Amino acid sequence: MEVRLTEAGYAAFEQHAVPGEAGENALLAVLTAAEKRTRADLLRKLVVAAESGATAP
């Protein structure tokens, strides 16, 4: 399944998105170092699964 933003959705996102990494950094600032490592590990796992075409058990 592939999900995409509509033109209106993309426009709304762009209107509220913070330029560059500032928005992401502000959002992630509440995480501890351990939580940030866990997040990175989980994202890495998702990327590997997506690239290999793996599906959930």
N, C-alpha and C. Protein backbone atom coordinates (compact mmCIF):
# COMPACT_ATOMS: atom_id res chain seq x y z
N MET A 1 0.85 -1.17 0.00
CA MET A 1 0.00 0.00 0.00
C MET A 1 0.89 1.23 0.00
N GLU A 2 0.57 2.14 -0.85
CA GLU A 2 1.33 3.39 -0.93
C GLU A 2 0.39 4.54 -0.61
N VAL A 3 0.86 5.43 0.25
CA VAL A 3 0.07 6.59 0.65
C VAL A 3 0.79 7.84 0.19
N ARG A 4 0.04 8.76 -0.38
CA ARG A 4 0.62 10.02 -0.85
C ARG A 4 -0.27 11.18 -0.43
N LEU A 5 0.37 12.32 -0.25
CA LEU A 5 -0.39 13.54 0.05
C LEU A 5 -1.07 14.05 -1.21
N THR A 6 -2.24 14.61 -1.02
CA THR A 6 -2.88 15.32 -2.12
C THR A 6 -2.17 16.65 -2.28
N GLU A 7 -2.49 17.37 -3.34
CA GLU A 7 -1.89 18.71 -3.52
C GLU A 7 -2.24 19.61 -2.34
N ALA A 8 -3.49 19.52 -1.87
CA ALA A 8 -3.92 20.33 -0.73
C ALA A 8 -3.18 19.91 0.53
N GLY A 9 -2.99 18.61 0.72
CA GLY A 9 -2.26 18.10 1.88
C GLY A 9 -0.82 18.55 1.87
N TYR A 10 -0.20 18.50 0.69
CA TYR A 10 1.18 18.94 0.56
C TYR A 10 1.29 20.44 0.86
N ALA A 11 0.36 21.21 0.35
CA ALA A 11 0.36 22.66 0.59
C ALA A 11 0.21 22.95 2.08
N ALA A 12 -0.67 22.21 2.76
CA ALA A 12 -0.86 22.41 4.20
C ALA A 12 0.41 22.04 4.96
N PHE A 13 1.04 20.96 4.55
CA PHE A 13 2.29 20.55 5.19
C PHE A 13 3.35 21.62 5.02
N GLU A 14 3.52 22.11 3.82
CA GLU A 14 4.53 23.13 3.54
C GLU A 14 4.27 24.41 4.34
N GLN A 15 3.00 24.73 4.52
CA GLN A 15 2.65 25.95 5.26
C GLN A 15 3.05 25.83 6.73
N HIS A 16 2.97 24.64 7.28
CA HIS A 16 3.22 24.46 8.71
C HIS A 16 4.60 23.87 9.02
N ALA A 17 5.28 23.40 8.01
CA ALA A 17 6.60 22.80 8.23
C ALA A 17 7.62 23.88 8.57
N VAL A 18 8.51 23.54 9.46
CA VAL A 18 9.60 24.45 9.82
C VAL A 18 10.76 24.16 8.89
N PRO A 19 11.37 25.18 8.31
CA PRO A 19 12.46 24.97 7.36
C PRO A 19 13.63 24.19 7.97
N GLY A 20 14.26 23.38 7.15
CA GLY A 20 15.45 22.65 7.56
C GLY A 20 15.18 21.68 8.67
N GLU A 21 16.19 21.49 9.49
CA GLU A 21 16.09 20.53 10.58
C GLU A 21 15.57 21.15 11.87
N ALA A 22 15.27 22.43 11.85
CA ALA A 22 14.85 23.12 13.07
C ALA A 22 13.60 22.49 13.68
N GLY A 23 12.62 22.16 12.85
CA GLY A 23 11.39 21.58 13.36
C GLY A 23 11.62 20.21 13.96
N GLU A 24 12.39 19.37 13.26
CA GLU A 24 12.68 18.03 13.76
C GLU A 24 13.47 18.12 15.05
N ASN A 25 14.47 18.98 15.08
CA ASN A 25 15.29 19.12 16.29
C ASN A 25 14.45 19.59 17.47
N ALA A 26 13.54 20.50 17.25
CA ALA A 26 12.68 20.99 18.33
C ALA A 26 11.78 19.87 18.83
N LEU A 27 11.25 19.09 17.91
CA LEU A 27 10.37 17.99 18.28
C LEU A 27 11.12 16.92 19.06
N LEU A 28 12.33 16.60 18.61
CA LEU A 28 13.11 15.52 19.23
C LEU A 28 13.82 15.95 20.51
N ALA A 29 13.82 17.24 20.80
CA ALA A 29 14.52 17.75 21.97
C ALA A 29 13.99 17.16 23.27
N VAL A 30 12.75 16.71 23.27
CA VAL A 30 12.17 16.16 24.49
C VAL A 30 12.64 14.73 24.77
N LEU A 31 13.29 14.09 23.79
CA LEU A 31 13.74 12.71 23.97
C LEU A 31 15.09 12.67 24.68
N THR A 32 15.27 11.64 25.50
CA THR A 32 16.57 11.42 26.12
C THR A 32 17.51 10.83 25.08
N ALA A 33 18.79 10.77 25.39
CA ALA A 33 19.76 10.18 24.47
C ALA A 33 19.40 8.72 24.18
N ALA A 34 18.98 7.99 25.20
CA ALA A 34 18.60 6.59 25.01
C ALA A 34 17.38 6.47 24.10
N GLU A 35 16.42 7.36 24.27
CA GLU A 35 15.23 7.34 23.41
C GLU A 35 15.59 7.67 21.97
N LYS A 36 16.52 8.60 21.78
CA LYS A 36 16.96 8.95 20.43
C LYS A 36 17.66 7.77 19.77
N ARG A 37 18.46 7.01 20.55
CA ARG A 37 19.11 5.81 20.00
C ARG A 37 18.06 4.78 19.61
N THR A 38 17.06 4.58 20.47
CA THR A 38 15.99 3.63 20.18
C THR A 38 15.25 4.03 18.91
N ARG A 39 14.96 5.31 18.78
CA ARG A 39 14.28 5.83 17.58
C ARG A 39 15.12 5.55 16.35
N ALA A 40 16.41 5.83 16.42
CA ALA A 40 17.30 5.59 15.28
C ALA A 40 17.34 4.11 14.93
N ASP A 41 17.40 3.25 15.95
CA ASP A 41 17.43 1.80 15.71
C ASP A 41 16.15 1.33 15.03
N LEU A 42 15.02 1.83 15.50
CA LEU A 42 13.73 1.44 14.91
C LEU A 42 13.61 1.95 13.47
N LEU A 43 14.03 3.18 13.22
CA LEU A 43 13.98 3.71 11.86
C LEU A 43 14.88 2.92 10.93
N ARG A 44 16.06 2.55 11.42
CA ARG A 44 16.98 1.73 10.63
C ARG A 44 16.33 0.39 10.27
N LYS A 45 15.68 -0.22 11.24
CA LYS A 45 14.99 -1.51 11.01
C LYS A 45 13.89 -1.36 9.96
N LEU A 46 13.15 -0.28 10.03
CA LEU A 46 12.09 -0.03 9.05
C LEU A 46 12.65 0.17 7.64
N VAL A 47 13.75 0.90 7.54
CA VAL A 47 14.37 1.15 6.24
C VAL A 47 14.88 -0.16 5.64
N VAL A 48 15.55 -0.96 6.46
CA VAL A 48 16.07 -2.25 5.97
C VAL A 48 14.92 -3.13 5.50
N ALA A 49 13.84 -3.18 6.27
CA ALA A 49 12.69 -4.00 5.89
C ALA A 49 12.06 -3.49 4.60
N ALA A 50 11.93 -2.18 4.47
CA ALA A 50 11.32 -1.61 3.27
C ALA A 50 12.18 -1.89 2.05
N GLU A 51 13.51 -1.78 2.21
CA GLU A 51 14.40 -2.00 1.08
C GLU A 51 14.46 -3.47 0.66
N SER A 52 14.23 -4.37 1.62
CA SER A 52 14.30 -5.80 1.30
C SER A 52 12.95 -6.35 0.89
N GLY A 53 11.90 -5.55 1.03
CA GLY A 53 10.56 -6.00 0.67
C GLY A 53 9.95 -6.91 1.73
N ALA A 54 10.50 -6.89 2.92
CA ALA A 54 10.01 -7.74 4.01
C ALA A 54 8.60 -7.33 4.41
N THR A 55 7.85 -8.31 4.90
CA THR A 55 6.52 -8.04 5.42
C THR A 55 6.45 -8.50 6.86
N ALA A 56 5.44 -8.04 7.56
CA ALA A 56 5.29 -8.40 8.98
C ALA A 56 4.97 -9.88 9.11
N PRO A 57 5.39 -10.49 10.22
CA PRO A 57 5.11 -11.92 10.44
C PRO A 57 3.65 -12.19 10.63
